[in-house]
């Protein structure tokens, strides 16, 4: 908590990187599916590397301080040098189909919504109105 008493602190981030790497890929894979991007194959070299690196115990601390009127200083303390989001981004980039390009554009849709030409939807038969209850 002593870091927050620094008057020139601009940004601070702390995480248990190994623990975060166990949880983050599940959420990230879901986001990749929703945005129709390729998922990181956890059986690939990058996926295995990420699992091994995630087993490294330790915390990642990142600080950005203002050291001058137009100057910021970045400092990272981490046993691996990366935090969990950076690990995942690096693994995704290494497995990119167009590596070393890092394409964040959505791919073209695989199908067009609607009915194919000449196809008309089948209407369901109308349901009869419920009979009125007699007193």
Protein backbone atom coordinates (compact mmCIF):
# COMPACT_ATOMS: atom_id res chain seq x y z
CA UNK A 1 0.00 0.00 0.00
CA UNK A 2 3.03 2.28 0.35
CA UNK A 3 3.04 2.65 -3.45
CA UNK A 4 -0.20 4.60 -3.31
CA UNK A 5 1.38 7.27 -1.09
CA UNK A 6 3.70 8.27 -3.94
CA UNK A 7 2.56 11.64 -5.27
CA UNK A 8 3.87 11.09 -8.80
CA UNK A 9 2.35 7.62 -9.30
CA UNK A 10 0.38 7.53 -12.57
CA UNK A 11 -0.36 3.79 -12.89
CA UNK A 12 0.05 0.76 -10.65
CA UNK A 13 -0.82 -2.89 -11.33
CA UNK A 14 -0.14 -5.99 -9.23
CA UNK A 15 -1.08 -9.59 -9.95
CA UNK A 16 -0.17 -13.15 -9.07
CA UNK A 17 0.71 -13.95 -12.68
CA UNK A 18 0.72 -17.74 -12.31
CA UNK A 19 -2.77 -17.75 -10.79
CA UNK A 20 -4.08 -15.25 -13.32
CA UNK A 21 -2.74 -17.33 -16.22
CA UNK A 22 -4.89 -20.26 -15.03
CA UNK A 23 -8.08 -18.19 -15.26
CA UNK A 24 -7.46 -15.68 -18.03
CA UNK A 25 -7.25 -18.06 -21.03
CA UNK A 26 -10.81 -19.30 -20.47
CA UNK A 27 -12.20 -15.77 -20.67
CA UNK A 28 -9.91 -14.82 -23.55
CA UNK A 29 -10.86 -17.94 -25.53
CA UNK A 30 -14.54 -17.02 -25.09
CA UNK A 31 -13.86 -13.51 -26.39
CA UNK A 32 -11.98 -14.95 -29.39
CA UNK A 33 -14.96 -17.21 -30.19
CA UNK A 34 -17.44 -14.33 -29.88
CA UNK A 35 -15.35 -12.15 -32.19
CA UNK A 36 -14.82 -15.05 -34.63
CA UNK A 37 -11.03 -15.09 -34.19
CA UNK A 38 -8.89 -18.22 -34.01
CA UNK A 39 -8.42 -19.51 -30.49
CA UNK A 40 -5.02 -20.19 -29.00
CA UNK A 41 -4.41 -23.92 -29.29
CA UNK A 42 -3.28 -24.91 -25.80
CA UNK A 43 -1.59 -28.00 -27.29
CA UNK A 44 0.59 -25.85 -29.58
CA UNK A 45 4.11 -24.72 -28.73
CA UNK A 46 2.83 -21.29 -27.63
CA UNK A 47 0.07 -22.85 -25.52
CA UNK A 48 2.49 -25.23 -23.81
CA UNK A 49 4.94 -22.39 -23.24
CA UNK A 50 2.18 -20.33 -21.64
CA UNK A 51 1.23 -23.23 -19.33
CA UNK A 52 4.85 -23.73 -18.24
CA UNK A 53 5.42 -20.02 -17.71
CA UNK A 54 2.18 -19.83 -15.73
CA UNK A 55 3.50 -22.45 -13.35
CA UNK A 56 6.28 -20.03 -12.35
CA UNK A 57 5.35 -18.65 -8.93
CA UNK A 58 5.60 -14.95 -8.26
CA UNK A 59 3.92 -11.64 -8.67
CA UNK A 60 4.11 -9.02 -11.35
CA UNK A 61 4.28 -5.38 -10.27
CA UNK A 62 4.02 -2.56 -12.78
CA UNK A 63 4.51 1.10 -11.91
CA UNK A 64 4.42 4.19 -14.08
CA UNK A 65 5.57 7.37 -12.38
CA UNK A 66 5.87 10.92 -13.64
CA UNK A 67 9.56 11.80 -13.35
CA UNK A 68 9.38 15.12 -15.17
CA UNK A 69 6.85 17.52 -16.69
CA UNK A 70 6.90 15.57 -19.97
CA UNK A 71 8.46 12.29 -18.83
CA UNK A 72 7.05 9.01 -17.51
CA UNK A 73 9.09 6.13 -16.13
CA UNK A 74 7.93 2.52 -16.47
CA UNK A 75 9.15 -0.10 -14.00
CA UNK A 76 8.22 -3.80 -14.03
CA UNK A 77 9.17 -6.35 -11.38
CA UNK A 78 8.30 -9.89 -12.43
CA UNK A 79 10.01 -13.30 -12.44
CA UNK A 80 9.04 -13.78 -16.09
CA UNK A 81 9.00 -10.18 -17.34
CA UNK A 82 5.37 -10.32 -18.51
CA UNK A 83 1.98 -10.16 -16.88
CA UNK A 84 -0.84 -12.59 -17.74
CA UNK A 85 -2.47 -10.44 -20.43
CA UNK A 86 0.89 -9.96 -22.13
CA UNK A 87 1.57 -13.72 -22.00
CA UNK A 88 -1.75 -14.42 -23.69
CA UNK A 89 -1.24 -11.70 -26.32
CA UNK A 90 2.23 -13.03 -27.12
CA UNK A 91 0.99 -16.63 -27.41
CA UNK A 92 -1.87 -15.48 -29.68
CA UNK A 93 0.57 -13.51 -31.84
CA UNK A 94 3.01 -16.43 -32.14
CA UNK A 95 0.17 -18.70 -33.29
CA UNK A 96 -1.33 -16.14 -35.70
CA UNK A 97 -2.00 -17.58 -39.18
CA UNK A 98 -0.27 -14.57 -40.78
CA UNK A 99 2.65 -14.41 -38.30
CA UNK A 100 4.48 -12.04 -37.88
CA UNK A 101 1.47 -9.89 -38.81
CA UNK A 102 -0.85 -9.25 -35.89
CA UNK A 103 -4.30 -8.96 -37.44
CA UNK A 104 -7.03 -7.71 -35.11
CA UNK A 105 -9.62 -7.22 -37.83
CA UNK A 106 -12.73 -9.35 -37.73
CA UNK A 107 -12.74 -12.05 -40.40
CA UNK A 108 -15.38 -11.96 -43.11
CA UNK A 109 -18.61 -13.71 -42.08
CA UNK A 110 -18.75 -17.36 -43.13
CA UNK A 111 -22.44 -17.22 -43.89
CA UNK A 112 -25.03 -14.58 -44.60
CA UNK A 113 -28.01 -14.44 -42.31
CA UNK A 114 -31.39 -15.00 -43.93
CA UNK A 115 -32.72 -17.53 -46.38
CA UNK A 116 -30.95 -18.67 -49.55
CA UNK A 117 -32.43 -17.43 -52.85
CA UNK A 118 -35.62 -19.26 -53.82
CA UNK A 119 -36.20 -20.61 -50.31
CA UNK A 120 -39.26 -19.54 -48.38
CA UNK A 121 -39.79 -20.26 -44.73
CA UNK A 122 -42.52 -22.73 -43.86
CA UNK A 123 -45.25 -21.15 -41.79
CA UNK A 124 -46.44 -23.05 -38.77
CA UNK A 125 -50.16 -23.81 -38.73
CA UNK A 126 -52.19 -21.30 -36.76
CA UNK A 127 -53.12 -22.44 -33.29
CA UNK A 128 -56.82 -22.30 -32.45
CA UNK A 129 -57.84 -19.76 -29.85
CA UNK A 130 -58.38 -21.23 -26.38
CA UNK A 131 -61.98 -22.03 -25.56
CA UNK A 132 -63.65 -19.67 -23.12
CA UNK A 133 -64.30 -21.18 -19.73
CA UNK A 134 -67.98 -21.57 -18.81
CA UNK A 135 -69.06 -20.59 -15.30
